[in-house]
Protein backbone atom coordinates (compact mmCIF):
# COMPACT_ATOMS: atom_id res chain seq x y z
CA UNK A 1 56.43 -5.91 11.55
CA UNK A 2 55.95 -9.24 9.81
CA UNK A 3 55.98 -7.82 6.25
CA UNK A 4 59.23 -6.55 4.80
CA UNK A 5 59.49 -2.83 4.01
CA UNK A 6 56.57 -1.90 6.24
CA UNK A 7 57.92 -1.08 9.70
CA UNK A 8 55.55 0.59 12.15
CA UNK A 9 58.14 3.31 12.77
CA UNK A 10 58.46 4.18 9.09
CA UNK A 11 56.94 7.68 8.57
CA UNK A 12 56.23 6.85 4.94
CA UNK A 13 54.10 3.83 5.90
CA UNK A 14 50.52 3.84 4.56
CA UNK A 15 47.64 1.63 5.61
CA UNK A 16 47.20 -1.16 3.06
CA UNK A 17 44.02 -0.93 0.97
CA UNK A 18 43.45 -4.67 0.67
CA UNK A 19 43.70 -7.47 3.25
CA UNK A 20 47.13 -9.12 3.38
CA UNK A 21 47.49 -12.85 2.83
CA UNK A 22 49.89 -13.84 5.61
CA UNK A 23 50.81 -17.11 3.85
CA UNK A 24 52.35 -15.10 1.01
CA UNK A 25 54.07 -12.59 3.37
CA UNK A 26 52.94 -9.76 1.05
CA UNK A 27 51.81 -6.93 3.32
CA UNK A 28 50.70 -6.07 6.81
CA UNK A 29 47.44 -7.48 8.09
CA UNK A 30 45.51 -4.77 9.96
CA UNK A 31 42.44 -5.10 12.09
CA UNK A 32 40.17 -2.28 10.94
CA UNK A 33 38.06 -2.76 14.01
CA UNK A 34 40.88 -2.10 16.48
CA UNK A 35 40.34 0.47 19.20
CA UNK A 36 41.39 4.14 19.06
CA UNK A 37 44.05 3.45 21.69
CA UNK A 38 45.62 0.62 19.65
CA UNK A 39 45.72 2.67 16.46
CA UNK A 40 47.24 5.65 18.29
CA UNK A 41 49.95 3.44 19.78
CA UNK A 42 51.07 2.21 16.34
CA UNK A 43 51.34 5.76 14.97
CA UNK A 44 52.88 7.44 18.06
CA UNK A 45 56.55 7.18 16.93
CA UNK A 46 55.95 8.74 13.53
CA UNK A 47 53.51 11.51 14.44
CA UNK A 48 53.98 12.64 18.06
CA UNK A 49 52.93 11.86 21.60
CA UNK A 50 50.04 9.67 22.66
CA UNK A 51 47.99 12.64 23.85
CA UNK A 52 48.52 14.53 20.59
CA UNK A 53 47.53 11.51 18.59
CA UNK A 54 44.39 10.86 20.64
CA UNK A 55 43.39 14.49 20.34
CA UNK A 56 43.85 14.40 16.59
CA UNK A 57 41.96 11.14 16.28
CA UNK A 58 39.14 12.47 18.43
CA UNK A 59 38.88 15.51 16.17
CA UNK A 60 38.90 13.28 13.10
CA UNK A 61 36.24 11.03 14.62
CA UNK A 62 34.01 14.00 15.45
CA UNK A 63 34.37 15.27 11.92
CA UNK A 64 33.48 11.87 10.51
CA UNK A 65 30.41 11.70 12.71
CA UNK A 66 29.31 15.13 11.49
CA UNK A 67 29.81 14.12 7.88
CA UNK A 68 27.63 11.01 8.46
CA UNK A 69 25.01 12.60 10.69
CA UNK A 70 24.18 15.65 8.55
CA UNK A 71 23.11 13.71 5.42
CA UNK A 72 21.21 11.23 7.58
CA UNK A 73 19.36 14.03 9.35
CA UNK A 74 18.50 15.64 6.05
CA UNK A 75 17.13 12.33 4.77
CA UNK A 76 14.96 11.90 7.85
CA UNK A 77 13.64 15.44 7.46
CA UNK A 78 12.73 14.73 3.85
CA UNK A 79 10.80 11.59 4.86
CA UNK A 80 9.02 13.50 7.61
CA UNK A 81 8.08 16.26 5.20
CA UNK A 82 6.79 13.76 2.64
CA UNK A 83 4.72 11.90 5.22
CA UNK A 84 3.08 15.10 6.38
CA UNK A 85 2.36 16.27 2.85
CA UNK A 86 0.02 13.27 2.13
CA UNK A 87 -3.29 14.52 0.88
CA UNK A 88 -5.69 13.82 3.79
CA UNK A 89 -8.63 13.59 1.43
CA UNK A 90 -7.48 10.59 -0.58
CA UNK A 91 -8.13 7.74 -0.32
CA UNK A 92 -11.11 7.66 2.04
CA UNK A 93 -13.51 5.07 3.34
CA UNK A 94 -16.88 6.25 4.56
CA UNK A 95 -18.49 4.72 7.61
CA UNK A 96 -21.41 6.24 9.51
CA UNK A 97 -21.18 9.47 7.53
CA UNK A 98 -17.56 10.14 8.54
CA UNK A 99 -14.28 9.10 7.00
CA UNK A 100 -10.90 7.77 7.96
CA UNK A 101 -7.72 8.21 5.93
CA UNK A 102 -6.49 4.81 4.89
CA UNK A 103 -2.95 6.05 4.17
CA UNK A 104 -2.23 7.78 7.46
CA UNK A 105 -4.20 6.06 10.20
CA UNK A 106 -5.38 2.59 11.09
CA UNK A 107 -9.05 2.51 12.08
CA UNK A 108 -9.74 0.82 15.35
CA UNK A 109 -12.72 -0.87 16.92
CA UNK A 110 -14.46 0.95 19.71
CA UNK A 111 -16.45 -0.87 22.32
CA UNK A 112 -19.86 -0.05 23.76
CA UNK A 113 -20.77 2.62 24.81
CA UNK A 114 -18.70 4.25 22.07
CA UNK A 115 -19.86 4.11 18.48
CA UNK A 116 -17.53 2.08 16.30
CA UNK A 117 -16.69 1.93 12.66
CA UNK A 118 -18.26 -1.16 11.14
CA UNK A 119 -16.07 -4.07 12.30
CA UNK A 120 -15.90 -5.54 8.80
CA UNK A 121 -14.65 -2.22 7.44
CA UNK A 122 -11.90 -2.13 10.04
CA UNK A 123 -11.06 -5.82 9.54
CA UNK A 124 -10.76 -5.36 5.77
CA UNK A 125 -8.49 -2.36 6.32
CA UNK A 126 -6.17 -4.39 8.52
CA UNK A 127 -6.35 -7.53 6.36
CA UNK A 128 -7.08 -6.44 2.75
CA UNK A 129 -7.09 -10.03 1.45
CA UNK A 130 -10.58 -10.59 2.95
CA UNK A 131 -11.99 -8.58 0.05
CA UNK A 132 -9.74 -10.07 -2.61
CA UNK A 133 -11.46 -12.44 -5.05
CA UNK A 134 -14.67 -12.16 -3.04
CA UNK A 135 -18.12 -11.24 -4.32
CA UNK A 136 -21.44 -10.97 -2.51
CA UNK A 137 -24.11 -9.31 -4.58
CA UNK A 138 -26.82 -9.57 -1.95
CA UNK A 139 -24.67 -8.09 0.82
CA UNK A 140 -22.07 -5.41 0.01
CA UNK A 141 -20.89 -5.47 3.64
CA UNK A 142 -19.79 -9.09 3.41
CA UNK A 143 -16.13 -10.08 3.75
CA UNK A 144 -14.38 -13.40 3.25
CA UNK A 145 -13.99 -15.05 6.62
CA UNK A 146 -11.39 -17.68 7.45
CA UNK A 147 -14.21 -20.23 7.31
CA UNK A 148 -14.93 -19.24 3.69
CA UNK A 149 -11.24 -19.39 2.77
CA UNK A 150 -10.87 -22.94 4.07
CA UNK A 151 -14.04 -23.95 2.20
CA UNK A 152 -12.60 -22.50 -1.05
CA UNK A 153 -15.52 -20.11 -1.37
CA UNK A 154 -15.28 -17.00 -3.54
CA UNK A 155 -18.90 -15.90 -3.09
CA UNK A 156 -21.03 -15.58 0.01
CA UNK A 157 -23.42 -18.31 1.11
CA UNK A 158 -26.47 -18.26 -1.12
CA UNK A 159 -28.94 -18.50 1.73
CA UNK A 160 -28.82 -18.51 5.49
CA UNK A 161 -32.17 -19.35 6.96
CA UNK A 162 -30.98 -19.26 10.54
CA UNK A 163 -32.33 -16.35 12.56
CA UNK A 164 -29.25 -14.14 12.52
CA UNK A 165 -30.86 -10.84 13.36
CA UNK A 166 -33.43 -9.78 15.92
CA UNK A 167 -35.26 -6.52 15.32
CA UNK A 168 -36.57 -4.39 18.17
CA UNK A 169 -38.81 -1.40 17.74
CA UNK A 170 -38.06 1.36 20.20
CA UNK A 171 -41.26 1.40 22.27
CA UNK A 172 -40.82 5.08 23.03
CA UNK A 173 -39.93 6.01 19.46
CA UNK A 174 -41.63 3.51 17.18
CA UNK A 175 -40.01 5.02 14.11
CA UNK A 176 -36.62 3.90 15.41
CA UNK A 177 -35.37 0.33 15.02
CA UNK A 178 -32.56 -1.45 16.84
CA UNK A 179 -31.20 -4.74 15.49
CA UNK A 180 -29.18 -7.29 17.39
CA UNK A 181 -26.87 -8.94 14.83
CA UNK A 182 -26.53 -12.36 16.41
CA UNK A 183 -23.30 -14.26 16.86
CA UNK A 184 -24.16 -17.74 18.09
CA UNK A 185 -22.41 -18.82 21.30
CA UNK A 186 -21.61 -15.21 22.18
CA UNK A 187 -24.43 -14.92 24.75
CA UNK A 188 -26.96 -14.53 21.94
CA UNK A 189 -29.73 -16.40 23.78
CA UNK A 190 -29.11 -14.43 26.96
CA UNK A 191 -29.17 -11.13 25.08
CA UNK A 192 -32.32 -12.05 23.15
CA UNK A 193 -34.22 -13.11 26.24
CA UNK A 194 -33.03 -10.17 28.30
CA UNK A 195 -34.09 -7.57 25.78
CA UNK A 196 -37.42 -9.29 25.19
CA UNK A 197 -38.14 -9.91 28.87
CA UNK A 198 -39.78 -6.55 29.48
CA UNK A 199 -43.31 -5.28 29.67
CA UNK A 200 -42.82 -3.82 26.19
CA UNK A 201 -42.26 -7.15 24.47
CA UNK A 202 -44.14 -10.45 24.42
CA UNK A 203 -42.24 -13.65 25.24
CA UNK A 204 -40.04 -15.12 22.53
CA UNK A 205 -39.94 -18.81 21.75
CA UNK A 206 -36.23 -18.81 21.01
CA UNK A 207 -36.06 -22.54 20.29
CA UNK A 208 -38.66 -22.59 17.52
CA UNK A 209 -37.41 -19.40 15.85
CA UNK A 210 -40.87 -18.19 14.84
CA UNK A 211 -41.66 -14.50 14.38
CA UNK A 212 -43.39 -12.72 17.23
CA UNK A 213 -45.40 -9.59 16.63
CA UNK A 214 -45.98 -6.77 19.05
CA UNK A 215 -43.95 -3.77 20.13
CA UNK A 216 -40.91 -5.88 19.34
CA UNK A 217 -40.52 -7.61 15.98
CA UNK A 218 -38.24 -10.61 15.94
CA UNK A 219 -36.79 -11.33 12.50
CA UNK A 220 -36.47 -15.09 12.39
CA UNK A 221 -37.01 -17.80 9.82
CA UNK A 222 -35.17 -16.44 6.79
CA UNK A 223 -33.25 -13.92 8.86
CA UNK A 224 -32.06 -10.60 7.47
CA UNK A 225 -31.03 -11.09 3.85
CA UNK A 226 -30.49 -7.68 2.21
CA UNK A 227 -29.64 -4.06 3.06
CA UNK A 228 -33.33 -3.24 2.56
CA UNK A 229 -34.04 -5.30 5.70
CA UNK A 230 -31.75 -3.10 7.78
CA UNK A 231 -32.53 0.31 6.34
CA UNK A 232 -32.50 3.13 8.93
CA UNK A 233 -31.74 0.67 11.74
CA UNK A 234 -29.03 0.88 14.38
CA UNK A 235 -27.28 -2.48 14.84
CA UNK A 236 -25.15 -3.88 17.63
CA UNK A 237 -23.45 -7.20 18.29
CA UNK A 238 -21.38 -8.99 20.94
CA UNK A 239 -18.27 -11.17 20.70
CA UNK A 240 -16.22 -13.33 23.06
CA UNK A 241 -12.87 -15.14 23.10
CA UNK A 242 -12.81 -17.06 19.78
CA UNK A 243 -11.29 -20.31 21.11
CA UNK A 244 -13.46 -20.42 24.22
CA UNK A 245 -16.48 -19.79 22.03
CA UNK A 246 -15.49 -22.63 19.68
CA UNK A 247 -15.28 -25.06 22.60
CA UNK A 248 -18.72 -23.95 23.76
CA UNK A 249 -20.03 -24.42 20.23
CA UNK A 250 -18.46 -27.87 20.07
CA UNK A 251 -20.61 -28.81 23.02
CA UNK A 252 -23.65 -27.46 21.17
CA UNK A 253 -23.13 -30.00 18.37
CA UNK A 254 -23.77 -32.84 20.78
CA UNK A 255 -26.69 -31.11 22.41
CA UNK A 256 -28.31 -31.04 18.98
CA UNK A 257 -27.26 -34.61 18.14
CA UNK A 258 -28.24 -36.26 21.43
CA UNK A 259 -31.14 -34.07 22.54
CA UNK A 260 -32.91 -32.67 19.50
CA UNK A 261 -31.98 -34.77 16.49
CA UNK A 262 -34.73 -37.36 15.87
CA UNK A 263 -33.88 -40.98 15.17
CA UNK A 264 -35.32 -40.84 11.68
CA UNK A 265 -32.73 -38.17 10.79
CA UNK A 266 -29.92 -39.99 12.51
CA UNK A 267 -30.58 -42.99 10.28
CA UNK A 268 -30.03 -40.78 7.23
CA UNK A 269 -26.83 -39.21 8.55
CA UNK A 270 -23.71 -40.29 6.59
CA UNK A 271 -21.86 -43.14 8.29
CA UNK A 272 -18.56 -41.25 8.41
CA UNK A 273 -20.21 -38.41 10.34
CA UNK A 274 -21.98 -40.80 12.72
CA UNK A 275 -18.65 -42.51 13.41
CA UNK A 276 -17.05 -39.18 14.28
CA UNK A 277 -19.90 -38.15 16.56
CA UNK A 278 -19.69 -41.46 18.40
CA UNK A 279 -15.94 -41.31 19.03
CA UNK A 280 -14.53 -41.12 22.55
CA UNK A 281 -12.96 -37.98 23.99
CA UNK A 282 -10.47 -36.46 23.42
CA UNK A 283 -10.07 -38.18 20.01
CA UNK A 284 -13.44 -36.78 18.89
CA UNK A 285 -12.47 -33.21 19.75
CA UNK A 286 -9.17 -33.57 17.89
CA UNK A 287 -10.98 -34.97 14.84
CA UNK A 288 -13.58 -32.19 14.66
CA UNK A 289 -10.94 -29.51 15.18
CA UNK A 290 -8.89 -31.03 12.34
CA UNK A 291 -11.92 -31.04 10.04
CA UNK A 292 -12.83 -27.47 10.89
CA UNK A 293 -9.38 -25.89 10.54
CA UNK A 294 -8.95 -27.56 7.15
CA UNK A 295 -12.48 -27.20 5.74
CA UNK A 296 -14.08 -24.21 7.49
CA UNK A 297 -17.81 -24.17 6.83
CA UNK A 298 -17.17 -27.08 4.47
CA UNK A 299 -17.34 -29.25 7.56
CA UNK A 300 -21.11 -29.46 6.99
CA UNK A 301 -20.79 -30.64 3.37
CA UNK A 302 -21.45 -34.32 4.19
CA UNK A 303 -24.75 -33.24 5.76
CA UNK A 304 -26.10 -31.17 2.87
CA UNK A 305 -26.97 -31.73 -0.76
CA UNK A 306 -26.49 -29.09 -3.40
CA UNK A 307 -25.48 -25.53 -2.47
CA UNK A 308 -24.30 -24.63 1.01
CA UNK A 309 -27.57 -23.40 2.45
CA UNK A 310 -27.60 -22.98 6.21
CA UNK A 311 -31.05 -24.15 7.38
CA UNK A 312 -33.01 -22.99 10.38
CA UNK A 313 -33.33 -24.99 13.56
CA UNK A 314 -36.47 -26.88 12.52
CA UNK A 315 -35.04 -27.99 9.18
CA UNK A 316 -31.83 -29.62 10.40
CA UNK A 317 -30.75 -29.38 14.02
CA UNK A 318 -27.36 -31.03 13.44
CA UNK A 319 -26.25 -28.59 10.74
CA UNK A 320 -27.29 -25.71 12.98
CA UNK A 321 -25.29 -27.38 15.75
CA UNK A 322 -22.17 -27.37 13.60
CA UNK A 323 -22.85 -23.76 12.64
CA UNK A 324 -22.25 -22.82 16.28
CA UNK A 325 -18.50 -23.34 15.74
CA UNK A 326 -18.32 -21.04 12.69
CA UNK A 327 -16.15 -18.01 13.36
CA UNK A 328 -17.53 -14.76 14.72
CA UNK A 329 -16.37 -12.87 11.63
CA UNK A 330 -18.44 -15.30 9.55
CA UNK A 331 -21.53 -14.38 11.59
CA UNK A 332 -20.82 -10.66 11.57
CA UNK A 333 -20.28 -10.83 7.82
CA UNK A 334 -23.81 -12.19 7.31
CA UNK A 335 -25.44 -9.00 8.59
CA UNK A 336 -26.49 -6.91 5.55
CA UNK A 337 -26.05 -3.46 7.05
CA UNK A 338 -23.76 -1.31 9.15
CA UNK A 339 -22.98 -2.45 12.68
CA UNK A 340 -22.58 0.63 14.85
CA UNK A 341 -21.89 -0.86 18.27
CA UNK A 342 -19.94 -3.89 19.40
CA UNK A 343 -19.61 -5.28 22.90
CA UNK A 344 -17.77 -8.07 24.71
CA UNK A 345 -19.48 -10.89 26.54
CA UNK A 346 -16.92 -10.48 29.32
CA UNK A 347 -18.56 -7.13 30.11
CA UNK A 348 -22.06 -8.15 29.10
CA UNK A 349 -24.09 -6.85 32.01
CA UNK A 350 -22.85 -3.24 31.90
CA UNK A 351 -22.65 -2.97 28.11
CA UNK A 352 -26.06 -4.50 27.50
CA UNK A 353 -27.56 -2.22 30.15
CA UNK A 354 -26.26 0.70 28.10
CA UNK A 355 -27.84 -0.74 24.93
CA UNK A 356 -31.21 -1.14 26.65
CA UNK A 357 -31.32 2.37 28.07
CA UNK A 358 -29.61 4.36 25.31
CA UNK A 359 -30.48 2.53 22.10
CA UNK A 360 -33.79 0.90 22.97
CA UNK A 361 -35.22 3.38 25.44
CA UNK A 362 -35.97 0.66 28.00
CA UNK A 363 -35.90 1.29 31.74
CA UNK A 364 -32.80 0.07 33.50
CA UNK A 365 -34.86 -2.23 35.74
CA UNK A 366 -36.83 -3.76 32.88
CA UNK A 367 -34.63 -6.81 32.64
CA UNK A 368 -31.29 -8.21 33.69
CA UNK A 369 -28.36 -9.41 31.64
CA UNK A 370 -26.61 -11.93 33.80
CA UNK A 371 -24.67 -14.49 31.85
CA UNK A 372 -25.52 -17.85 33.34
CA UNK A 373 -23.95 -20.61 31.32
CA UNK A 374 -24.20 -23.58 33.66
CA UNK A 375 -21.87 -25.68 31.52
CA UNK A 376 -19.04 -23.22 32.15
CA UNK A 377 -19.28 -23.79 35.90
CA UNK A 378 -20.27 -27.45 35.95
CA UNK A 379 -17.64 -30.13 35.60
CA UNK A 380 -20.21 -32.80 34.79
CA UNK A 381 -20.47 -34.08 31.20
CA UNK A 382 -23.71 -33.23 29.47
CA UNK A 383 -25.21 -34.32 26.15
CA UNK A 384 -22.44 -36.92 25.91
CA UNK A 385 -19.78 -34.20 25.87
CA UNK A 386 -17.38 -32.82 28.49
CA UNK A 387 -18.05 -29.32 29.78
CA UNK A 388 -16.35 -26.30 28.26
CA UNK A 389 -14.45 -25.83 31.50
CA UNK A 390 -13.28 -29.44 31.45
CA UNK A 391 -11.83 -29.09 27.96
CA UNK A 392 -10.14 -25.77 28.63
CA UNK A 393 -8.63 -26.92 31.91
CA UNK A 394 -7.46 -30.34 30.72
CA UNK A 395 -4.48 -29.05 28.78
CA UNK A 396 -2.61 -32.36 28.78
CA UNK A 397 -5.26 -33.99 26.58
CA UNK A 398 -6.62 -31.01 24.63
CA UNK A 399 -3.83 -28.44 24.24
CA UNK A 400 -2.63 -29.89 20.92
CA UNK A 401 -5.95 -29.01 19.27
CA UNK A 402 -6.39 -25.80 21.27
CA UNK A 403 -3.11 -24.62 19.74
CA UNK A 404 -4.49 -25.35 16.27
CA UNK A 405 -7.49 -23.18 17.14
CA UNK A 406 -5.20 -20.45 18.46
CA UNK A 407 -3.54 -20.38 15.04
CA UNK A 408 -6.83 -20.57 13.13
CA UNK A 409 -8.36 -17.69 15.10
CA UNK A 410 -5.15 -15.64 15.32
CA UNK A 411 -6.59 -12.72 13.37
CA UNK A 412 -9.81 -12.68 15.35
CA UNK A 413 -7.95 -12.74 18.63
CA UNK A 414 -5.71 -9.89 17.54
CA UNK A 415 -8.68 -7.95 16.17
CA UNK A 416 -10.89 -8.33 19.23
CA UNK A 417 -8.06 -8.03 21.74
CA UNK A 418 -7.77 -11.56 23.14
CA UNK A 419 -4.75 -13.67 24.05
CA UNK A 420 -4.23 -17.30 22.92
CA UNK A 421 -5.47 -19.96 25.31
């Protein structure tokens, strides 16, 4: 030994209780993490043979394990008992006449053809902050979307005059109503035209957004504004990948600006916005992404005066163009009623066929739901803007801003089951 009076062969030797400072030569330094074999070797002279020592140490180790394991097991049993003694009746949230227990299960979305809990109810359960400091008197179903957060909004938009809901009367059961809660750039035009393109419904002038009467009633103009507008109706909606949808909506801005926006309105557009719209790619994409992820729906503020009122197509095509990049949860939040079914654009044909036959009572051959977005397949620029496919495939120039969108839409992607692009 290095410390006087403490020889390893001394039967009276005891393990020091405190570490030894070797510079002061005060006591023996021991490694408490040494192996069983090393400890047995040091004690062999004083207490017996190696085999006896190992046997004794093994017995001591087993006893120590028992002394540790029994209290731990008891603790786990107590936690298990407490978890299973939670009152399953409190607290509850009621959706579609049934309830889920907020303390013991996480509600999940279900996709068409299954009936789902209202997506906003599920979203608010997963992310409770969307209801914090948020009021919407006209629509109790409303939640605070990421777009509202970035725009520093604590109340819902006062008025949305875009056509955000299309009402269909069941032609076989006229007392039943089915509502398509629109999400722009999630195949909404395709869905609208497909459901209306039957012998039950007259043609719909989707561009002008005017009401059409007949067996089908299209709620346009002021849209659906209160729960009274959705009473006794069954509603469904469709979503798609949030980032891909944003890129498609970005293209829509320039369709509105270059194709529909009249010169007289362009002359009144703020100079800073005109300068952005006239930038070259990819700088323009980066600029608009930066504005959106920092301002949310506030991106339209330079184009409006007074309160944030979302106009219809005829009132201001450019504002409606920018509205195409608003998040899907913002759109879903506008619907003033329960949404019972939700589908994905990626499975549009089969899921919409189910809606037509099971919710609307339409014959399976009364229309087709084939998603034909030419700009997704074409690599040619259109409306002064690169195609969606061009932007998504040109990662060298666009990935920096696509990553910003991946972060911005992280909750939506997790919620709807999509991976970052």
